[in-house]
Amino acid sequence: MIEFHSSTHGAVVARLIHIEEVSGSNPDACTYMLKAILKNSSYLLVAQVTIKVVAFFYTLYLAQSLGVINFGYYTLALSYFSLLAAFADLGITRYLIVEVSTLKHSSSKILFSALAIRA
């Protein structure tokens, strides 16, 4: 059994169980799937590292341009907003991931309902 879990803001990005069953015990299909997973995972890793580096330099720029007091106000507002955004989600993101992956034919209805609840 092989499971891949990647967490981005608490959401499960990918989960793969029993590659042999999915590929029908075909070694070529299994190898192809593993290569695709590694390729996509490397893209995700590069994207996340790039975002972190850009955010670091942007924070340095903001700290220098805003000054000590205004940067303190900025970080205070950002921390409050981050806390409120976590509670405002109310688990809707996890619900969307599960329901859309299982009920693909009615994904537009589910997405519209979730957006209506969030608004």
PDB file of N, CA and C in Angstrom:
ATOM      1  N   MET A   1       0.850  -1.170   0.000  1.00  0.00           N
ATOM      2  CA  MET A   1       0.000   0.000   0.000  1.00  0.00           C
ATOM      3  C   MET A   1       0.893   1.229   0.000  1.00  0.00           C
ATOM      4  N   ILE A   2       0.622   2.139  -0.931  1.00  0.00           N
ATOM      5  CA  ILE A   2       1.381   3.385  -1.029  1.00  0.00           C
ATOM      6  C   ILE A   2       0.411   4.539  -0.862  1.00  0.00           C
ATOM      7  N   GLU A   3       0.711   5.442   0.043  1.00  0.00           N
ATOM      8  CA  GLU A   3      -0.129   6.610   0.250  1.00  0.00           C
ATOM      9  C   GLU A   3       0.724   7.859   0.146  1.00  0.00           C
ATOM     10  N   PHE A   4       0.246   8.842  -0.594  1.00  0.00           N
ATOM     11  CA  PHE A   4       0.912  10.125  -0.699  1.00  0.00           C
ATOM     12  C   PHE A   4      -0.005  11.174  -0.092  1.00  0.00           C
ATOM     13  N   HIS A   5       0.511  11.897   0.877  1.00  0.00           N
ATOM     14  CA  HIS A   5      -0.253  12.973   1.492  1.00  0.00           C
ATOM     15  C   HIS A   5       0.570  14.243   1.393  1.00  0.00           C
ATOM     16  N   SER A   6      -0.029  15.286   0.921  1.00  0.00           N
ATOM     17  CA  SER A   6       0.635  16.580   0.892  1.00  0.00           C
ATOM     18  C   SER A   6      -0.359  17.585   1.433  1.00  0.00           C
ATOM     19  N   SER A   7       0.055  18.333   2.407  1.00  0.00           N
ATOM     20  CA  SER A   7      -0.864  19.239   3.070  1.00  0.00           C
ATOM     21  C   SER A   7      -0.529  20.671   2.704  1.00  0.00           C
ATOM     22  N   THR A   8      -1.473  21.348   2.140  1.00  0.00           N
ATOM     23  CA  THR A   8      -1.342  22.762   1.854  1.00  0.00           C
ATOM     24  C   THR A   8      -2.541  23.440   2.482  1.00  0.00           C
ATOM     25  N   HIS A   9      -2.307  24.187   3.532  1.00  0.00           N
ATOM     26  CA  HIS A   9      -3.361  24.846   4.294  1.00  0.00           C
ATOM     27  C   HIS A   9      -4.406  23.838   4.767  1.00  0.00           C
ATOM     28  N   GLY A  10      -3.953  22.706   5.174  1.00  0.00           N
ATOM     29  CA  GLY A  10      -4.842  21.712   5.752  1.00  0.00           C
ATOM     30  C   GLY A  10      -5.595  20.863   4.738  1.00  0.00           C
ATOM     31  N   ALA A  11      -5.446  21.120   3.461  1.00  0.00           N
ATOM     32  CA  ALA A  11      -6.185  20.350   2.465  1.00  0.00           C
ATOM     33  C   ALA A  11      -5.327  19.205   1.953  1.00  0.00           C
ATOM     34  N   VAL A  12      -5.939  18.066   1.787  1.00  0.00           N
ATOM     35  CA  VAL A  12      -5.205  16.925   1.253  1.00  0.00           C
ATOM     36  C   VAL A  12      -5.159  17.082  -0.256  1.00  0.00           C
ATOM     37  N   VAL A  13      -3.936  17.117  -0.800  1.00  0.00           N
ATOM     38  CA  VAL A  13      -3.772  17.348  -2.224  1.00  0.00           C
ATOM     39  C   VAL A  13      -3.903  16.049  -3.006  1.00  0.00           C
ATOM     40  N   ALA A  14      -3.257  14.998  -2.560  1.00  0.00           N
ATOM     41  CA  ALA A  14      -3.304  13.755  -3.339  1.00  0.00           C
ATOM     42  C   ALA A  14      -3.258  12.554  -2.413  1.00  0.00           C
ATOM     43  N   ARG A  15      -3.950  11.489  -2.806  1.00  0.00           N
ATOM     44  CA  ARG A  15      -3.900  10.236  -2.049  1.00  0.00           C
ATOM     45  C   ARG A  15      -4.022   9.098  -3.040  1.00  0.00           C
ATOM     46  N   LEU A  16      -3.070   8.214  -3.013  1.00  0.00           N
ATOM     47  CA  LEU A  16      -3.036   7.102  -3.948  1.00  0.00           C
ATOM     48  C   LEU A  16      -2.871   5.816  -3.160  1.00  0.00           C
ATOM     49  N   ILE A  17      -3.779   4.889  -3.351  1.00  0.00           N
ATOM     50  CA  ILE A  17      -3.726   3.625  -2.628  1.00  0.00           C
ATOM     51  C   ILE A  17      -3.747   2.480  -3.634  1.00  0.00           C
ATOM     52  N   HIS A  18      -2.899   1.499  -3.411  1.00  0.00           N
ATOM     53  CA  HIS A  18      -2.843   0.282  -4.209  1.00  0.00           C
ATOM     54  C   HIS A  18      -2.658   0.573  -5.691  1.00  0.00           C
ATOM     55  N   ILE A  19      -1.466   0.970  -6.045  1.00  0.00           N
ATOM     56  CA  ILE A  19      -1.164   1.269  -7.444  1.00  0.00           C
ATOM     57  C   ILE A  19      -1.375   0.036  -8.308  1.00  0.00           C
ATOM     58  N   GLU A  20      -1.097  -1.126  -7.772  1.00  0.00           N
ATOM     59  CA  GLU A  20      -1.238  -2.347  -8.553  1.00  0.00           C
ATOM     60  C   GLU A  20      -2.677  -2.564  -8.987  1.00  0.00           C
ATOM     61  N   GLU A  21      -3.637  -2.266  -8.120  1.00  0.00           N
ATOM     62  CA  GLU A  21      -5.038  -2.452  -8.464  1.00  0.00           C
ATOM     63  C   GLU A  21      -5.476  -1.468  -9.545  1.00  0.00           C
ATOM     64  N   VAL A  22      -5.020  -0.234  -9.450  1.00  0.00           N
ATOM     65  CA  VAL A  22      -5.409   0.788 -10.416  1.00  0.00           C
ATOM     66  C   VAL A  22      -4.832   0.471 -11.784  1.00  0.00           C
ATOM     67  N   SER A  23      -3.578   0.051 -11.812  1.00  0.00           N
ATOM     68  CA  SER A  23      -2.920  -0.202 -13.092  1.00  0.00           C
ATOM     69  C   SER A  23      -3.201  -1.594 -13.634  1.00  0.00           C
ATOM     70  N   GLY A  24      -3.912  -2.426 -12.898  1.00  0.00           N
ATOM     71  CA  GLY A  24      -4.212  -3.769 -13.363  1.00  0.00           C
ATOM     72  C   GLY A  24      -2.996  -4.658 -13.424  1.00  0.00           C
ATOM     73  N   SER A  25      -2.077  -4.478 -12.488  1.00  0.00           N
ATOM     74  CA  SER A  25      -0.829  -5.244 -12.398  1.00  0.00           C
ATOM     75  C   SER A  25       0.053  -5.092 -13.631  1.00  0.00           C
ATOM     76  N   ASN A  26      -0.096  -4.016 -14.353  1.00  0.00           N
ATOM     77  CA  ASN A  26       0.733  -3.712 -15.513  1.00  0.00           C
ATOM     78  C   ASN A  26       1.931  -2.900 -15.047  1.00  0.00           C
ATOM     79  N   PRO A  27       3.147  -3.414 -15.138  1.00  0.00           N
ATOM     80  CA  PRO A  27       4.306  -2.689 -14.622  1.00  0.00           C
ATOM     81  C   PRO A  27       4.571  -1.377 -15.351  1.00  0.00           C
ATOM     82  N   ASP A  28       4.258  -1.323 -16.651  1.00  0.00           N
ATOM     83  CA  ASP A  28       4.474  -0.088 -17.390  1.00  0.00           C
ATOM     84  C   ASP A  28       3.549   1.022 -16.896  1.00  0.00           C
ATOM     85  N   ALA A  29       2.294   0.669 -16.656  1.00  0.00           N
ATOM     86  CA  ALA A  29       1.338   1.659 -16.159  1.00  0.00           C
ATOM     87  C   ALA A  29       1.715   2.114 -14.757  1.00  0.00           C
ATOM     88  N   CYS A  30       2.186   1.176 -13.942  1.00  0.00           N
ATOM     89  CA  CYS A  30       2.603   1.499 -12.578  1.00  0.00           C
ATOM     90  C   CYS A  30       3.805   2.448 -12.604  1.00  0.00           C
ATOM     91  N   THR A  31       4.767   2.173 -13.474  1.00  0.00           N
ATOM     92  CA  THR A  31       5.942   3.027 -13.595  1.00  0.00           C
ATOM     93  C   THR A  31       5.549   4.405 -14.100  1.00  0.00           C
ATOM     94  N   TYR A  32       4.647   4.446 -15.065  1.00  0.00           N
ATOM     95  CA  TYR A  32       4.177   5.723 -15.604  1.00  0.00           C
ATOM     96  C   TYR A  32       3.502   6.556 -14.519  1.00  0.00           C
ATOM     97  N   MET A  33       2.668   5.898 -13.705  1.00  0.00           N
ATOM     98  CA  MET A  33       1.974   6.618 -12.642  1.00  0.00           C
ATOM     99  C   MET A  33       2.959   7.149 -11.608  1.00  0.00           C
ATOM    100  N   LEU A  34       3.949   6.358 -11.237  1.00  0.00           N
ATOM    101  CA  LEU A  34       4.940   6.813 -10.265  1.00  0.00           C
ATOM    102  C   LEU A  34       5.767   7.975 -10.814  1.00  0.00           C
ATOM    103  N   LYS A  35       6.122   7.916 -12.100  1.00  0.00           N
ATOM    104  CA  LYS A  35       6.857   9.025 -12.714  1.00  0.00           C
ATOM    105  C   LYS A  35       6.016  10.285 -12.746  1.00  0.00           C
ATOM    106  N   ALA A  36       4.736  10.143 -13.048  1.00  0.00           N
ATOM    107  CA  ALA A  36       3.843  11.299 -13.079  1.00  0.00           C
ATOM    108  C   ALA A  36       3.699  11.916 -11.693  1.00  0.00           C
ATOM    109  N   ILE A  37       3.603  11.060 -10.686  1.00  0.00           N
ATOM    110  CA  ILE A  37       3.476  11.556  -9.315  1.00  0.00           C
ATOM    111  C   ILE A  37       4.744  12.300  -8.901  1.00  0.00           C
ATOM    112  N   LEU A  38       5.900  11.727  -9.205  1.00  0.00           N
ATOM    113  CA  LEU A  38       7.158  12.390  -8.856  1.00  0.00           C
ATOM    114  C   LEU A  38       7.335  13.704  -9.610  1.00  0.00           C
ATOM    115  N   LYS A  39       6.952  13.726 -10.874  1.00  0.00           N
ATOM    116  CA  LYS A  39       7.053  14.951 -11.671  1.00  0.00           C
ATOM    117  C   LYS A  39       6.149  16.041 -11.099  1.00  0.00           C
ATOM    118  N   ASN A  40       4.908  15.698 -10.819  1.00  0.00           N
ATOM    119  CA  ASN A  40       3.973  16.679 -10.272  1.00  0.00           C
ATOM    120  C   ASN A  40       4.377  17.127  -8.877  1.00  0.00           C
ATOM    121  N   SER A  41       4.916  16.216  -8.081  1.00  0.00           N
ATOM    122  CA  SER A  41       5.377  16.574  -6.742  1.00  0.00           C
ATOM    123  C   SER A  41       6.560  17.536  -6.808  1.00  0.00           C
ATOM    124  N   SER A  42       7.440  17.324  -7.782  1.00  0.00           N
ATOM    125  CA  SER A  42       8.577  18.235  -7.918  1.00  0.00           C
ATOM    126  C   SER A  42       8.115  19.612  -8.355  1.00  0.00           C
ATOM    127  N   TYR A  43       7.115  19.689  -9.233  1.00  0.00           N
ATOM    128  CA  TYR A  43       6.557  20.989  -9.603  1.00  0.00           C
ATOM    129  C   TYR A  43       5.971  21.696  -8.383  1.00  0.00           C
ATOM    130  N   LEU A  44       5.256  20.953  -7.570  1.00  0.00           N
ATOM    131  CA  LEU A  44       4.660  21.527  -6.368  1.00  0.00           C
ATOM    132  C   LEU A  44       5.737  22.016  -5.407  1.00  0.00           C
ATOM    133  N   LEU A  45       6.805  21.246  -5.247  1.00  0.00           N
ATOM    134  CA  LEU A  45       7.902  21.640  -4.365  1.00  0.00           C
ATOM    135  C   LEU A  45       8.569  22.915  -4.859  1.00  0.00           C
ATOM    136  N   VAL A  46       8.852  22.988  -6.153  1.00  0.00           N
ATOM    137  CA  VAL A  46       9.487  24.191  -6.716  1.00  0.00           C
ATOM    138  C   VAL A  46       8.574  25.406  -6.542  1.00  0.00           C
ATOM    139  N   ALA A  47       7.295  25.230  -6.756  1.00  0.00           N
ATOM    140  CA  ALA A  47       6.356  26.345  -6.592  1.00  0.00           C
ATOM    141  C   ALA A  47       6.313  26.833  -5.149  1.00  0.00           C
ATOM    142  N   GLN A  48       6.275  25.917  -4.196  1.00  0.00           N
ATOM    143  CA  GLN A  48       6.217  26.309  -2.792  1.00  0.00           C
ATOM    144  C   GLN A  48       7.496  26.999  -2.342  1.00  0.00           C
ATOM    145  N   VAL A  49       8.642  26.511  -2.786  1.00  0.00           N
ATOM    146  CA  VAL A  49       9.914  27.157  -2.432  1.00  0.00           C
ATOM    147  C   VAL A  49       9.982  28.546  -3.041  1.00  0.00           C
ATOM    148  N   THR A  50       9.539  28.695  -4.283  1.00  0.00           N
ATOM    149  CA  THR A  50       9.530  30.007  -4.932  1.00  0.00           C
ATOM    150  C   THR A  50       8.641  30.989  -4.182  1.00  0.00           C
ATOM    151  N   ILE A  51       7.484  30.538  -3.773  1.00  0.00           N
ATOM    152  CA  ILE A  51       6.566  31.405  -3.022  1.00  0.00           C
ATOM    153  C   ILE A  51       7.199  31.845  -1.711  1.00  0.00           C
ATOM    154  N   LYS A  52       7.855  30.932  -1.018  1.00  0.00           N
ATOM    155  CA  LYS A  52       8.504  31.276   0.256  1.00  0.00           C
ATOM    156  C   LYS A  52       9.621  32.295   0.060  1.00  0.00           C
ATOM    157  N   VAL A  53      10.424  32.130  -0.984  1.00  0.00           N
ATOM    158  CA  VAL A  53      11.528  33.056  -1.235  1.00  0.00           C
ATOM    159  C   VAL A  53      10.996  34.440  -1.590  1.00  0.00           C
ATOM    160  N   VAL A  54       9.988  34.489  -2.463  1.00  0.00           N
ATOM    161  CA  VAL A  54       9.407  35.778  -2.839  1.00  0.00           C
ATOM    162  C   VAL A  54       8.766  36.450  -1.628  1.00  0.00           C
ATOM    163  N   ALA A  55       8.071  35.694  -0.806  1.00  0.00           N
ATOM    164  CA  ALA A  55       7.436  36.256   0.387  1.00  0.00           C
ATOM    165  C   ALA A  55       8.480  36.803   1.362  1.00  0.00           C
ATOM    166  N   PHE A  56       9.612  36.119   1.488  1.00  0.00           N
ATOM    167  CA  PHE A  56      10.672  36.584   2.375  1.00  0.00           C
ATOM    168  C   PHE A  56      11.196  37.945   1.928  1.00  0.00           C
ATOM    169  N   PHE A  57      11.518  38.069   0.648  1.00  0.00           N
ATOM    170  CA  PHE A  57      12.045  39.336   0.151  1.00  0.00           C
ATOM    171  C   PHE A  57      10.985  40.437   0.152  1.00  0.00           C
ATOM    172  N   TYR A  58       9.730  40.073  -0.078  1.00  0.00           N
ATOM    173  CA  TYR A  58       8.657  41.060  -0.009  1.00  0.00           C
ATOM    174  C   TYR A  58       8.483  41.569   1.421  1.00  0.00           C
ATOM    175  N   THR A  59       8.619  40.693   2.395  1.00  0.00           N
ATOM    176  CA  THR A  59       8.529  41.110   3.792  1.00  0.00           C
ATOM    177  C   THR A  59       9.679  42.049   4.151  1.00  0.00           C
ATOM    178  N   LEU A  60      10.867  41.746   3.673  1.00  0.00           N
ATOM    179  CA  LEU A  60      12.001  42.659   3.898  1.00  0.00           C
ATOM    180  C   LEU A  60      11.738  44.026   3.281  1.00  0.00           C
ATOM    181  N   TYR A  61      11.205  44.035   2.074  1.00  0.00           N
ATOM    182  CA  TYR A  61      10.882  45.296   1.403  1.00  0.00           C
ATOM    183  C   TYR A  61       9.826  46.076   2.181  1.00  0.00           C
ATOM    184  N   LEU A  62       8.769  45.389   2.619  1.00  0.00           N
ATOM    185  CA  LEU A  62       7.715  46.069   3.384  1.00  0.00           C
ATOM    186  C   LEU A  62       8.240  46.627   4.699  1.00  0.00           C
ATOM    187  N   ALA A  63       9.059  45.861   5.391  1.00  0.00           N
ATOM    188  CA  ALA A  63       9.601  46.318   6.674  1.00  0.00           C
ATOM    189  C   ALA A  63      10.440  47.574   6.481  1.00  0.00           C
ATOM    190  N   GLN A  64      11.202  47.611   5.420  1.00  0.00           N
ATOM    191  CA  GLN A  64      12.045  48.777   5.190  1.00  0.00           C
ATOM    192  C   GLN A  64      11.231  49.981   4.717  1.00  0.00           C
ATOM    193  N   SER A  65      10.246  49.767   3.882  1.00  0.00           N
ATOM    194  CA  SER A  65       9.506  50.899   3.334  1.00  0.00           C
ATOM    195  C   SER A  65       8.433  51.432   4.290  1.00  0.00           C
ATOM    196  N   LEU A  66       7.844  50.588   5.121  1.00  0.00           N
ATOM    197  CA  LEU A  66       6.786  51.046   6.023  1.00  0.00           C
ATOM    198  C   LEU A  66       7.319  51.640   7.321  1.00  0.00           C
ATOM    199  N   GLY A  67       8.444  51.185   7.760  1.00  0.00           N
ATOM    200  CA  GLY A  67       8.959  51.642   9.050  1.00  0.00           C
ATOM    201  C   GLY A  67       8.504  50.705  10.151  1.00  0.00           C
ATOM    202  N   VAL A  68       9.033  50.936  11.339  1.00  0.00           N
ATOM    203  CA  VAL A  68       8.794  50.016  12.455  1.00  0.00           C
ATOM    204  C   VAL A  68       7.333  50.007  12.884  1.00  0.00           C
ATOM    205  N   ILE A  69       6.754  51.167  13.120  1.00  0.00           N
ATOM    206  CA  ILE A  69       5.388  51.233  13.660  1.00  0.00           C
ATOM    207  C   ILE A  69       4.359  50.753  12.626  1.00  0.00           C
ATOM    208  N   ASN A  70       4.465  51.239  11.404  1.00  0.00           N
ATOM    209  CA  ASN A  70       3.495  50.834  10.383  1.00  0.00           C
ATOM    210  C   ASN A  70       3.633  49.355  10.019  1.00  0.00           C
ATOM    211  N   PHE A  71       4.853  48.838  10.034  1.00  0.00           N
ATOM    212  CA  PHE A  71       5.022  47.410   9.770  1.00  0.00           C
ATOM    213  C   PHE A  71       4.418  46.589  10.911  1.00  0.00           C
ATOM    214  N   GLY A  72       4.504  47.086  12.127  1.00  0.00           N
ATOM    215  CA  GLY A  72       3.854  46.422  13.261  1.00  0.00           C
ATOM    216  C   GLY A  72       2.347  46.392  13.097  1.00  0.00           C
ATOM    217  N   TYR A  73       1.764  47.511  12.646  1.00  0.00           N
ATOM    218  CA  TYR A  73       0.317  47.536  12.378  1.00  0.00           C
ATOM    219  C   TYR A  73      -0.058  46.559  11.264  1.00  0.00           C
ATOM    220  N   TYR A  74       0.788  46.507  10.252  1.00  0.00           N
ATOM    221  CA  TYR A  74       0.551  45.597   9.128  1.00  0.00           C
ATOM    222  C   TYR A  74       0.558  44.141   9.602  1.00  0.00           C
ATOM    223  N   THR A  75       1.552  43.761  10.379  1.00  0.00           N
ATOM    224  CA  THR A  75       1.631  42.371  10.839  1.00  0.00           C
ATOM    225  C   THR A  75       0.501  42.031  11.812  1.00  0.00           C
ATOM    226  N   LEU A  76       0.091  43.004  12.618  1.00  0.00           N
ATOM    227  CA  LEU A  76      -1.042  42.785  13.518  1.00  0.00           C
ATOM    228  C   LEU A  76      -2.324  42.544  12.723  1.00  0.00           C
ATOM    229  N   ALA A  77      -2.572  43.383  11.728  1.00  0.00           N
ATOM    230  CA  ALA A  77      -3.762  43.207  10.893  1.00  0.00           C
ATOM    231  C   ALA A  77      -3.711  41.897  10.125  1.00  0.00           C
ATOM    232  N   LEU A  78      -2.543  41.549   9.641  1.00  0.00           N
ATOM    233  CA  LEU A  78      -2.396  40.301   8.900  1.00  0.00           C
ATOM    234  C   LEU A  78      -2.648  39.080   9.788  1.00  0.00           C
ATOM    235  N   SER A  79      -2.179  39.129  11.025  1.00  0.00           N
ATOM    236  CA  SER A  79      -2.400  37.991  11.929  1.00  0.00           C
ATOM    237  C   SER A  79      -3.873  37.851  12.303  1.00  0.00           C
ATOM    238  N   TYR A  80      -4.567  38.966  12.553  1.00  0.00           N
ATOM    239  CA  TYR A  80      -6.000  38.892  12.851  1.00  0.00           C
ATOM    240  C   TYR A  80      -6.779  38.367  11.649  1.00  0.00           C
ATOM    241  N   PHE A  81      -6.439  38.854  10.464  1.00  0.00           N
ATOM    242  CA  PHE A  81      -7.124  38.392   9.266  1.00  0.00           C
ATOM    243  C   PHE A  81      -6.897  36.898   9.042  1.00  0.00           C
ATOM    244  N   SER A  82      -5.693  36.421   9.288  1.00  0.00           N
ATOM    245  CA  SER A  82      -5.401  34.999   9.107  1.00  0.00           C
ATOM    246  C   SER A  82      -6.216  34.140  10.073  1.00  0.00           C
ATOM    247  N   LEU A  83      -6.348  34.587  11.312  1.00  0.00           N
ATOM    248  CA  LEU A  83      -7.162  33.847  12.279  1.00  0.00           C
ATOM    249  C   LEU A  83      -8.631  33.827  11.874  1.00  0.00           C
ATOM    250  N   LEU A  84      -9.147  34.964  11.456  1.00  0.00           N
ATOM    251  CA  LEU A  84     -10.552  35.030  11.060  1.00  0.00           C
ATOM    252  C   LEU A  84     -10.812  34.230   9.788  1.00  0.00           C
ATOM    253  N   ALA A  85      -9.878  34.219   8.876  1.00  0.00           N
ATOM    254  CA  ALA A  85     -10.054  33.466   7.632  1.00  0.00           C
ATOM    255  C   ALA A  85     -10.112  31.965   7.910  1.00  0.00           C
ATOM    256  N   ALA A  86      -9.357  31.506   8.888  1.00  0.00           N
ATOM    257  CA  ALA A  86      -9.380  30.083   9.234  1.00  0.00           C
ATOM    258  C   ALA A  86     -10.744  29.681   9.781  1.00  0.00           C
ATOM    259  N   PHE A  87     -11.349  30.531  10.595  1.00  0.00           N
ATOM    260  CA  PHE A  87     -12.670  30.218  11.132  1.00  0.00           C
ATOM    261  C   PHE A  87     -13.768  30.426  10.104  1.00  0.00           C
ATOM    262  N   ALA A  88     -13.571  31.354   9.176  1.00  0.00           N
ATOM    263  CA  ALA A  88     -14.589  31.631   8.160  1.00  0.00           C
ATOM    264  C   ALA A  88     -14.732  30.490   7.163  1.00  0.00           C
ATOM    265  N   ASP A  89     -13.707  29.677   7.022  1.00  0.00           N
ATOM    266  CA  ASP A  89     -13.762  28.560   6.076  1.00  0.00           C
ATOM    267  C   ASP A  89     -14.803  27.531   6.491  1.00  0.00           C
ATOM    268  N   LEU A  90     -14.914  27.273   7.784  1.00  0.00           N
ATOM    269  CA  LEU A  90     -15.912  26.357   8.354  1.00  0.00           C
ATOM    270  C   LEU A  90     -15.862  24.947   7.763  1.00  0.00           C
ATOM    271  N   GLY A  91     -14.711  24.528   7.281  1.00  0.00           N
ATOM    272  CA  GLY A  91     -14.576  23.183   6.736  1.00  0.00           C
ATOM    273  C   GLY A  91     -15.123  23.019   5.337  1.00  0.00           C
ATOM    274  N   ILE A  92     -15.479  24.120   4.694  1.00  0.00           N
ATOM    275  CA  ILE A  92     -16.066  24.037   3.360  1.00  0.00           C
ATOM    276  C   ILE A  92     -15.056  23.512   2.349  1.00  0.00           C
ATOM    277  N   THR A  93     -13.792  23.873   2.498  1.00  0.00           N
ATOM    278  CA  THR A  93     -12.772  23.417   1.554  1.00  0.00           C
ATOM    279  C   THR A  93     -12.633  21.901   1.589  1.00  0.00           C
ATOM    280  N   ARG A  94     -12.578  21.331   2.775  1.00  0.00           N
ATOM    281  CA  ARG A  94     -12.486  19.862   2.885  1.00  0.00           C
ATOM    282  C   ARG A  94     -13.734  19.192   2.314  1.00  0.00           C
ATOM    283  N   TYR A  95     -14.877  19.758   2.580  1.00  0.00           N
ATOM    284  CA  TYR A  95     -16.128  19.215   2.047  1.00  0.00           C
ATOM    285  C   TYR A  95     -16.115  19.227   0.519  1.00  0.00           C
ATOM    286  N   LEU A  96     -15.649  20.328  -0.069  1.00  0.00           N
ATOM    287  CA  LEU A  96     -15.581  20.425  -1.524  1.00  0.00           C
ATOM    288  C   LEU A  96     -14.653  19.373  -2.119  1.00  0.00           C
ATOM    289  N   ILE A  97     -13.504  19.175  -1.505  1.00  0.00           N
ATOM    290  CA  ILE A  97     -12.543  18.196  -2.025  1.00  0.00           C
ATOM    291  C   ILE A  97     -13.150  16.805  -2.027  1.00  0.00           C
ATOM    292  N   VAL A  98     -13.791  16.432  -0.940  1.00  0.00           N
ATOM    293  CA  VAL A  98     -14.359  15.081  -0.842  1.00  0.00           C
ATOM    294  C   VAL A  98     -15.536  14.905  -1.793  1.00  0.00           C
ATOM    295  N   GLU A  99     -16.457  15.852  -1.797  1.00  0.00           N
ATOM    296  CA  GLU A  99     -17.673  15.700  -2.586  1.00  0.00           C
ATOM    297  C   GLU A  99     -17.420  15.792  -4.086  1.00  0.00           C
ATOM    298  N   VAL A 100     -16.583  16.706  -4.508  1.00  0.00           N
ATOM    299  CA  VAL A 100     -16.316  16.844  -5.941  1.00  0.00           C
ATOM    300  C   VAL A 100     -15.555  15.636  -6.464  1.00  0.00           C
ATOM    301  N   SER A 101     -14.665  15.073  -5.642  1.00  0.00           N
ATOM    302  CA  SER A 101     -13.921  13.896  -6.103  1.00  0.00           C
ATOM    303  C   SER A 101     -14.808  12.655  -6.193  1.00  0.00           C
ATOM    304  N   THR A 102     -15.856  12.588  -5.395  1.00  0.00           N
ATOM    305  CA  THR A 102     -16.730  11.406  -5.445  1.00  0.00           C
ATOM    306  C   THR A 102     -17.931  11.609  -6.369  1.00  0.00           C
ATOM    307  N   LEU A 103     -18.450  12.816  -6.443  1.00  0.00           N
ATOM    308  CA  LEU A 103     -19.638  13.092  -7.260  1.00  0.00           C
ATOM    309  C   LEU A 103     -19.273  14.059  -8.388  1.00  0.00           C
ATOM    310  N   LYS A 104     -18.525  13.603  -9.356  1.00  0.00           N
ATOM    311  CA  LYS A 104     -18.032  14.480 -10.415  1.00  0.00           C
ATOM    312  C   LYS A 104     -19.150  15.024 -11.296  1.00  0.00           C
ATOM    313  N   HIS A 105     -20.231  14.302 -11.436  1.00  0.00           N
ATOM    314  CA  HIS A 105     -21.306  14.740 -12.318  1.00  0.00           C
ATOM    315  C   HIS A 105     -22.053  15.952 -11.768  1.00  0.00           C
ATOM    316  N   SER A 106     -22.045  16.151 -10.467  1.00  0.00           N
ATOM    317  CA  SER A 106     -22.756  17.296  -9.882  1.00  0.00           C
ATOM    318  C   SER A 106     -21.790  18.270  -9.220  1.00  0.00           C
ATOM    319  N   SER A 107     -20.564  18.365  -9.729  1.00  0.00           N
ATOM    320  CA  SER A 107     -19.568  19.232  -9.108  1.00  0.00           C
ATOM    321  C   SER A 107     -19.929  20.710  -9.226  1.00  0.00           C
ATOM    322  N   SER A 108     -20.574  21.128 -10.312  1.00  0.00           N
ATOM    323  CA  SER A 108     -20.932  22.541 -10.452  1.00  0.00           C
ATOM    324  C   SER A 108     -21.995  22.937  -9.428  1.00  0.00           C
ATOM    325  N   LYS A 109     -22.960  22.046  -9.156  1.00  0.00           N
ATOM    326  CA  LYS A 109     -23.970  22.331  -8.131  1.00  0.00           C
ATOM    327  C   LYS A 109     -23.334  22.455  -6.745  1.00  0.00           C
ATOM    328  N   ILE A 110     -22.414  21.531  -6.441  1.00  0.00           N
ATOM    329  CA  ILE A 110     -21.751  21.538  -5.135  1.00  0.00           C
ATOM    330  C   ILE A 110     -20.916  22.800  -4.971  1.00  0.00           C
ATOM    331  N   LEU A 111     -20.177  23.170  -6.011  1.00  0.00           N
ATOM    332  CA  LEU A 111     -19.346  24.370  -5.953  1.00  0.00           C
ATOM    333  C   LEU A 111     -20.194  25.616  -5.785  1.00  0.00           C
ATOM    334  N   PHE A 112     -21.289  25.724  -6.523  1.00  0.00           N
ATOM    335  CA  PHE A 112     -22.179  26.884  -6.399  1.00  0.00           C
ATOM    336  C   PHE A 112     -22.764  26.974  -4.991  1.00  0.00           C
ATOM    337  N   SER A 113     -23.178  25.844  -4.437  1.00  0.00           N
ATOM    338  CA  SER A 113     -23.743  25.840  -3.081  1.00  0.00           C
ATOM    339  C   SER A 113     -22.704  26.268  -2.047  1.00  0.00           C
ATOM    340  N   ALA A 114     -21.478  25.773  -2.191  1.00  0.00           N
ATOM    341  CA  ALA A 114     -20.426  26.140  -1.244  1.00  0.00           C
ATOM    342  C   ALA A 114     -20.077  27.622  -1.331  1.00  0.00           C
ATOM    343  N   LEU A 115     -20.035  28.157  -2.541  1.00  0.00           N
ATOM    344  CA  LEU A 115     -19.775  29.589  -2.687  1.00  0.00           C
ATOM    345  C   LEU A 115     -20.912  30.429  -2.127  1.00  0.00           C
ATOM    346  N   ALA A 116     -22.139  29.955  -2.269  1.00  0.00           N
ATOM    347  CA  ALA A 116     -23.283  30.686  -1.708  1.00  0.00           C
ATOM    348  C   ALA A 116     -23.229  30.687  -0.179  1.00  0.00           C
ATOM    349  N   ILE A 117     -22.818  29.568   0.405  1.00  0.00           N
ATOM    350  CA  ILE A 117     -22.721  29.494   1.874  1.00  0.00           C
ATOM    351  C   ILE A 117     -21.616  30.409   2.372  1.00  0.00           C
ATOM    352  N   ARG A 118     -20.485  30.450   1.651  1.00  0.00           N
ATOM    353  CA  ARG A 118     -19.345  31.274   2.073  1.00  0.00           C
ATOM    354  C   ARG A 118     -19.630  32.755   1.992  1.00  0.00           C
ATOM    355  N   ALA A 119     -20.457  33.164   1.059  1.00  0.00           N
ATOM    356  CA  ALA A 119     -20.720  34.597   0.845  1.00  0.00           C
ATOM    357  C   ALA A 119     -21.625  35.172   1.856  1.00  0.00           C
TER     358      ALA A 119
END
